[in-house]
Amino acid sequence: MELAGAIIGIFIFVGLVIFLLNIITSIWAYRDSQRKGKSKEYALVVLIGTLFFPIIGLIIYLIIRND
């Protein structure tokens, strides 16, 4: 029983870390798009895209942003 509890605890911890990384990268992409001089609507689309599609949304944003 203790092993099952430890495994569940590890899964919960990993899930929380992944969730927090998603939130952090979404906020970064939102702020970065605003810093680049984009409109608030564009920044909001970036935020929503990276929140709901974390990996694909971040990759697409990194490709289309202006450096």
PDB file of N, CA and C in Angstrom:
ATOM      1  N   MET A   1       0.814  -1.199   0.000  1.00  0.00           N
ATOM      2  CA  MET A   1       0.000   0.000   0.000  1.00  0.00           C
ATOM      3  C   MET A   1       0.857   1.262   0.000  1.00  0.00           C
ATOM      4  N   GLU A   2       1.977   1.244   0.739  1.00  0.00           N
ATOM      5  CA  GLU A   2       2.817   2.434   0.804  1.00  0.00           C
ATOM      6  C   GLU A   2       3.448   2.743  -0.546  1.00  0.00           C
ATOM      7  N   LEU A   3       3.774   1.708  -1.305  1.00  0.00           N
ATOM      8  CA  LEU A   3       4.369   1.914  -2.623  1.00  0.00           C
ATOM      9  C   LEU A   3       3.375   2.587  -3.565  1.00  0.00           C
ATOM     10  N   ALA A   4       2.128   2.168  -3.504  1.00  0.00           N
ATOM     11  CA  ALA A   4       1.101   2.772  -4.356  1.00  0.00           C
ATOM     12  C   ALA A   4       0.910   4.249  -4.001  1.00  0.00           C
ATOM     13  N   GLY A   5       0.939   4.565  -2.733  1.00  0.00           N
ATOM     14  CA  GLY A   5       0.808   5.957  -2.309  1.00  0.00           C
ATOM     15  C   GLY A   5       1.978   6.809  -2.777  1.00  0.00           C
ATOM     16  N   ALA A   6       3.177   6.235  -2.736  1.00  0.00           N
ATOM     17  CA  ALA A   6       4.361   6.962  -3.198  1.00  0.00           C
ATOM     18  C   ALA A   6       4.293   7.209  -4.699  1.00  0.00           C
ATOM     19  N   ILE A   7       3.842   6.225  -5.439  1.00  0.00           N
ATOM     20  CA  ILE A   7       3.731   6.375  -6.894  1.00  0.00           C
ATOM     21  C   ILE A   7       2.686   7.432  -7.239  1.00  0.00           C
ATOM     22  N   ILE A   8       1.571   7.408  -6.541  1.00  0.00           N
ATOM     23  CA  ILE A   8       0.531   8.417  -6.769  1.00  0.00           C
ATOM     24  C   ILE A   8       1.065   9.812  -6.436  1.00  0.00           C
ATOM     25  N   GLY A   9       1.820   9.916  -5.352  1.00  0.00           N
ATOM     26  CA  GLY A   9       2.418  11.195  -4.974  1.00  0.00           C
ATOM     27  C   GLY A   9       3.380  11.715  -6.027  1.00  0.00           C
ATOM     28  N   ILE A  10       4.167  10.818  -6.607  1.00  0.00           N
ATOM     29  CA  ILE A  10       5.103  11.209  -7.663  1.00  0.00           C
ATOM     30  C   ILE A  10       4.339  11.701  -8.884  1.00  0.00           C
ATOM     31  N   PHE A  11       3.284  10.988  -9.274  1.00  0.00           N
ATOM     32  CA  PHE A  11       2.487  11.413 -10.426  1.00  0.00           C
ATOM     33  C   PHE A  11       1.841  12.776 -10.190  1.00  0.00           C
ATOM     34  N   ILE A  12       1.351  13.011  -8.996  1.00  0.00           N
ATOM     35  CA  ILE A  12       0.750  14.306  -8.678  1.00  0.00           C
ATOM     36  C   ILE A  12       1.805  15.406  -8.742  1.00  0.00           C
ATOM     37  N   PHE A  13       2.989  15.144  -8.204  1.00  0.00           N
ATOM     38  CA  PHE A  13       4.069  16.126  -8.229  1.00  0.00           C
ATOM     39  C   PHE A  13       4.489  16.457  -9.658  1.00  0.00           C
ATOM     40  N   VAL A  14       4.670  15.435 -10.481  1.00  0.00           N
ATOM     41  CA  VAL A  14       5.062  15.647 -11.878  1.00  0.00           C
ATOM     42  C   VAL A  14       3.972  16.419 -12.620  1.00  0.00           C
ATOM     43  N   GLY A  15       2.720  16.081 -12.371  1.00  0.00           N
ATOM     44  CA  GLY A  15       1.615  16.795 -13.002  1.00  0.00           C
ATOM     45  C   GLY A  15       1.586  18.266 -12.620  1.00  0.00           C
ATOM     46  N   LEU A  16       1.832  18.563 -11.354  1.00  0.00           N
ATOM     47  CA  LEU A  16       1.863  19.957 -10.908  1.00  0.00           C
ATOM     48  C   LEU A  16       3.030  20.722 -11.529  1.00  0.00           C
ATOM     49  N   VAL A  17       4.182  20.066 -11.638  1.00  0.00           N
ATOM     50  CA  VAL A  17       5.340  20.717 -12.258  1.00  0.00           C
ATOM     51  C   VAL A  17       5.048  21.032 -13.717  1.00  0.00           C
ATOM     52  N   ILE A  18       4.463  20.091 -14.439  1.00  0.00           N
ATOM     53  CA  ILE A  18       4.122  20.318 -15.846  1.00  0.00           C
ATOM     54  C   ILE A  18       3.090  21.437 -15.968  1.00  0.00           C
ATOM     55  N   PHE A  19       2.108  21.453 -15.088  1.00  0.00           N
ATOM     56  CA  PHE A  19       1.092  22.507 -15.095  1.00  0.00           C
ATOM     57  C   PHE A  19       1.723  23.878 -14.840  1.00  0.00           C
ATOM     58  N   LEU A  20       2.616  23.962 -13.858  1.00  0.00           N
ATOM     59  CA  LEU A  20       3.272  25.233 -13.561  1.00  0.00           C
ATOM     60  C   LEU A  20       4.161  25.692 -14.717  1.00  0.00           C
ATOM     61  N   LEU A  21       4.858  24.765 -15.362  1.00  0.00           N
ATOM     62  CA  LEU A  21       5.659  25.123 -16.534  1.00  0.00           C
ATOM     63  C   LEU A  21       4.784  25.667 -17.650  1.00  0.00           C
ATOM     64  N   ASN A  22       3.616  25.080 -17.827  1.00  0.00           N
ATOM     65  CA  ASN A  22       2.668  25.562 -18.833  1.00  0.00           C
ATOM     66  C   ASN A  22       2.240  26.989 -18.524  1.00  0.00           C
ATOM     67  N   ILE A  23       1.911  27.259 -17.283  1.00  0.00           N
ATOM     68  CA  ILE A  23       1.496  28.603 -16.880  1.00  0.00           C
ATOM     69  C   ILE A  23       2.642  29.599 -17.080  1.00  0.00           C
ATOM     70  N   ILE A  24       3.845  29.223 -16.670  1.00  0.00           N
ATOM     71  CA  ILE A  24       4.996  30.122 -16.774  1.00  0.00           C
ATOM     72  C   ILE A  24       5.323  30.433 -18.227  1.00  0.00           C
ATOM     73  N   THR A  25       5.339  29.421 -19.090  1.00  0.00           N
ATOM     74  CA  THR A  25       5.660  29.671 -20.498  1.00  0.00           C
ATOM     75  C   THR A  25       4.552  30.473 -21.186  1.00  0.00           C
ATOM     76  N   SER A  26       3.315  30.271 -20.786  1.00  0.00           N
ATOM     77  CA  SER A  26       2.215  31.044 -21.367  1.00  0.00           C
ATOM     78  C   SER A  26       2.313  32.511 -20.985  1.00  0.00           C
ATOM     79  N   ILE A  27       2.620  32.774 -19.727  1.00  0.00           N
ATOM     80  CA  ILE A  27       2.783  34.161 -19.280  1.00  0.00           C
ATOM     81  C   ILE A  27       3.981  34.797 -19.973  1.00  0.00           C
ATOM     82  N   TRP A  28       5.070  34.044 -20.120  1.00  0.00           N
ATOM     83  CA  TRP A  28       6.241  34.573 -20.822  1.00  0.00           C
ATOM     84  C   TRP A  28       5.899  34.936 -22.266  1.00  0.00           C
ATOM     85  N   ALA A  29       5.195  34.050 -22.962  1.00  0.00           N
ATOM     86  CA  ALA A  29       4.835  34.315 -24.357  1.00  0.00           C
ATOM     87  C   ALA A  29       3.923  35.537 -24.450  1.00  0.00           C
ATOM     88  N   TYR A  30       2.989  35.681 -23.524  1.00  0.00           N
ATOM     89  CA  TYR A  30       2.092  36.842 -23.500  1.00  0.00           C
ATOM     90  C   TYR A  30       2.887  38.134 -23.312  1.00  0.00           C
ATOM     91  N   ARG A  31       3.758  38.154 -22.317  1.00  0.00           N
ATOM     92  CA  ARG A  31       4.552  39.356 -22.054  1.00  0.00           C
ATOM     93  C   ARG A  31       5.521  39.648 -23.193  1.00  0.00           C
ATOM     94  N   ASP A  32       6.096  38.606 -23.773  1.00  0.00           N
ATOM     95  CA  ASP A  32       7.027  38.795 -24.878  1.00  0.00           C
ATOM     96  C   ASP A  32       6.323  39.391 -26.086  1.00  0.00           C
ATOM     97  N   SER A  33       5.122  38.927 -26.368  1.00  0.00           N
ATOM     98  CA  SER A  33       4.398  39.475 -27.514  1.00  0.00           C
ATOM     99  C   SER A  33       4.009  40.934 -27.278  1.00  0.00           C
ATOM    100  N   GLN A  34       3.697  41.293 -26.049  1.00  0.00           N
ATOM    101  CA  GLN A  34       3.411  42.698 -25.746  1.00  0.00           C
ATOM    102  C   GLN A  34       4.682  43.541 -25.841  1.00  0.00           C
ATOM    103  N   ARG A  35       5.795  42.988 -25.382  1.00  0.00           N
ATOM    104  CA  ARG A  35       7.060  43.705 -25.425  1.00  0.00           C
ATOM    105  C   ARG A  35       7.523  43.957 -26.857  1.00  0.00           C
ATOM    106  N   LYS A  36       7.152  43.069 -27.759  1.00  0.00           N
ATOM    107  CA  LYS A  36       7.523  43.223 -29.165  1.00  0.00           C
ATOM    108  C   LYS A  36       6.640  44.250 -29.874  1.00  0.00           C
ATOM    109  N   GLY A  37       5.695  44.847 -29.153  1.00  0.00           N
ATOM    110  CA  GLY A  37       4.863  45.893 -29.734  1.00  0.00           C
ATOM    111  C   GLY A  37       3.606  45.383 -30.411  1.00  0.00           C
ATOM    112  N   LYS A  38       3.232  44.151 -30.147  1.00  0.00           N
ATOM    113  CA  LYS A  38       2.012  43.603 -30.742  1.00  0.00           C
ATOM    114  C   LYS A  38       0.795  44.121 -29.983  1.00  0.00           C
ATOM    115  N   SER A  39      -0.372  43.996 -30.601  1.00  0.00           N
ATOM    116  CA  SER A  39      -1.605  44.465 -29.965  1.00  0.00           C
ATOM    117  C   SER A  39      -1.993  43.551 -28.806  1.00  0.00           C
ATOM    118  N   LYS A  40      -2.877  44.056 -27.963  1.00  0.00           N
ATOM    119  CA  LYS A  40      -3.341  43.251 -26.829  1.00  0.00           C
ATOM    120  C   LYS A  40      -4.128  42.035 -27.294  1.00  0.00           C
ATOM    121  N   GLU A  41      -4.848  42.174 -28.400  1.00  0.00           N
ATOM    122  CA  GLU A  41      -5.616  41.042 -28.925  1.00  0.00           C
ATOM    123  C   GLU A  41      -4.679  39.927 -29.379  1.00  0.00           C
ATOM    124  N   TYR A  42      -3.601  40.296 -30.059  1.00  0.00           N
ATOM    125  CA  TYR A  42      -2.611  39.312 -30.503  1.00  0.00           C
ATOM    126  C   TYR A  42      -1.983  38.617 -29.296  1.00  0.00           C
ATOM    127  N   ALA A  43      -1.634  39.411 -28.270  1.00  0.00           N
ATOM    128  CA  ALA A  43      -1.033  38.839 -27.068  1.00  0.00           C
ATOM    129  C   ALA A  43      -2.008  37.892 -26.371  1.00  0.00           C
ATOM    130  N   LEU A  44      -3.288  38.226 -26.384  1.00  0.00           N
ATOM    131  CA  LEU A  44      -4.296  37.358 -25.773  1.00  0.00           C
ATOM    132  C   LEU A  44      -4.444  36.052 -26.548  1.00  0.00           C
ATOM    133  N   VAL A  45      -4.394  36.121 -27.868  1.00  0.00           N
ATOM    134  CA  VAL A  45      -4.449  34.906 -28.689  1.00  0.00           C
ATOM    135  C   VAL A  45      -3.234  34.031 -28.406  1.00  0.00           C
ATOM    136  N   VAL A  46      -2.074  34.654 -28.253  1.00  0.00           N
ATOM    137  CA  VAL A  46      -0.858  33.906 -27.920  1.00  0.00           C
ATOM    138  C   VAL A  46      -1.017  33.228 -26.565  1.00  0.00           C
ATOM    139  N   LEU A  47      -1.547  33.954 -25.595  1.00  0.00           N
ATOM    140  CA  LEU A  47      -1.751  33.392 -24.256  1.00  0.00           C
ATOM    141  C   LEU A  47      -2.690  32.195 -24.296  1.00  0.00           C
ATOM    142  N   ILE A  48      -3.818  32.343 -24.955  1.00  0.00           N
ATOM    143  CA  ILE A  48      -4.796  31.253 -25.030  1.00  0.00           C
ATOM    144  C   ILE A  48      -4.228  30.066 -25.803  1.00  0.00           C
ATOM    145  N   GLY A  49      -3.527  30.357 -26.894  1.00  0.00           N
ATOM    146  CA  GLY A  49      -2.939  29.280 -27.689  1.00  0.00           C
ATOM    147  C   GLY A  49      -1.915  28.476 -26.919  1.00  0.00           C
ATOM    148  N   THR A  50      -1.070  29.159 -26.145  1.00  0.00           N
ATOM    149  CA  THR A  50      -0.056  28.433 -25.387  1.00  0.00           C
ATOM    150  C   THR A  50      -0.628  27.771 -24.139  1.00  0.00           C
ATOM    151  N   LEU A  51      -1.746  28.276 -23.631  1.00  0.00           N
ATOM    152  CA  LEU A  51      -2.372  27.610 -22.483  1.00  0.00           C
ATOM    153  C   LEU A  51      -3.046  26.302 -22.886  1.00  0.00           C
ATOM    154  N   PHE A  52      -3.782  26.331 -23.999  1.00  0.00           N
ATOM    155  CA  PHE A  52      -4.540  25.151 -24.398  1.00  0.00           C
ATOM    156  C   PHE A  52      -3.733  24.162 -25.233  1.00  0.00           C
ATOM    157  N   PHE A  53      -2.719  24.656 -25.934  1.00  0.00           N
ATOM    158  CA  PHE A  53      -1.856  23.790 -26.745  1.00  0.00           C
ATOM    159  C   PHE A  53      -0.405  24.111 -26.391  1.00  0.00           C
ATOM    160  N   PRO A  54       0.063  23.666 -25.228  1.00  0.00           N
ATOM    161  CA  PRO A  54       1.332  24.158 -24.692  1.00  0.00           C
ATOM    162  C   PRO A  54       2.542  23.941 -25.607  1.00  0.00           C
ATOM    163  N   ILE A  55       2.756  22.755 -26.079  1.00  0.00           N
ATOM    164  CA  ILE A  55       3.960  22.483 -26.862  1.00  0.00           C
ATOM    165  C   ILE A  55       3.829  23.065 -28.262  1.00  0.00           C
ATOM    166  N   ILE A  56       2.747  22.738 -28.936  1.00  0.00           N
ATOM    167  CA  ILE A  56       2.536  23.222 -30.305  1.00  0.00           C
ATOM    168  C   ILE A  56       2.403  24.747 -30.319  1.00  0.00           C
ATOM    169  N   GLY A  57       1.639  25.298 -29.389  1.00  0.00           N
ATOM    170  CA  GLY A  57       1.447  26.745 -29.342  1.00  0.00           C
ATOM    171  C   GLY A  57       2.744  27.502 -29.120  1.00  0.00           C
ATOM    172  N   LEU A  58       3.592  26.991 -28.231  1.00  0.00           N
ATOM    173  CA  LEU A  58       4.866  27.656 -27.968  1.00  0.00           C
ATOM    174  C   LEU A  58       5.797  27.559 -29.172  1.00  0.00           C
ATOM    175  N   ILE A  59       5.827  26.412 -29.819  1.00  0.00           N
ATOM    176  CA  ILE A  59       6.664  26.248 -31.013  1.00  0.00           C
ATOM    177  C   ILE A  59       6.203  27.196 -32.111  1.00  0.00           C
ATOM    178  N   ILE A  60       4.900  27.256 -32.338  1.00  0.00           N
ATOM    179  CA  ILE A  60       4.372  28.154 -33.378  1.00  0.00           C
ATOM    180  C   ILE A  60       4.684  29.606 -33.030  1.00  0.00           C
ATOM    181  N   TYR A  61       4.507  29.976 -31.769  1.00  0.00           N
ATOM    182  CA  TYR A  61       4.805  31.358 -31.384  1.00  0.00           C
ATOM    183  C   TYR A  61       6.282  31.680 -31.601  1.00  0.00           C
ATOM    184  N   LEU A  62       7.165  30.767 -31.236  1.00  0.00           N
ATOM    185  CA  LEU A  62       8.593  31.020 -31.411  1.00  0.00           C
ATOM    186  C   LEU A  62       8.968  31.140 -32.884  1.00  0.00           C
ATOM    187  N   ILE A  63       8.244  30.450 -33.750  1.00  0.00           N
ATOM    188  CA  ILE A  63       8.525  30.532 -35.186  1.00  0.00           C
ATOM    189  C   ILE A  63       8.028  31.856 -35.765  1.00  0.00           C
ATOM    190  N   ILE A  64       6.821  32.299 -35.373  1.00  0.00           N
ATOM    191  CA  ILE A  64       6.234  33.476 -36.029  1.00  0.00           C
ATOM    192  C   ILE A  64       6.595  34.800 -35.370  1.00  0.00           C
ATOM    193  N   ARG A  65       7.195  34.774 -34.208  1.00  0.00           N
ATOM    194  CA  ARG A  65       7.520  36.049 -33.562  1.00  0.00           C
ATOM    195  C   ARG A  65       8.672  36.731 -34.282  1.00  0.00           C
ATOM    196  N   ASN A  66       8.750  38.028 -34.136  1.00  0.00           N
ATOM    197  CA  ASN A  66       9.817  38.813 -34.764  1.00  0.00           C
ATOM    198  C   ASN A  66      10.954  38.985 -33.774  1.00  0.00           C
ATOM    199  N   ASP A  67      12.142  38.643 -34.196  1.00  0.00           N
ATOM    200  CA  ASP A  67      13.302  38.815 -33.301  1.00  0.00           C
ATOM    201  C   ASP A  67      13.986  40.124 -33.502  1.00  0.00           C
TER     202      ASP A  67
END
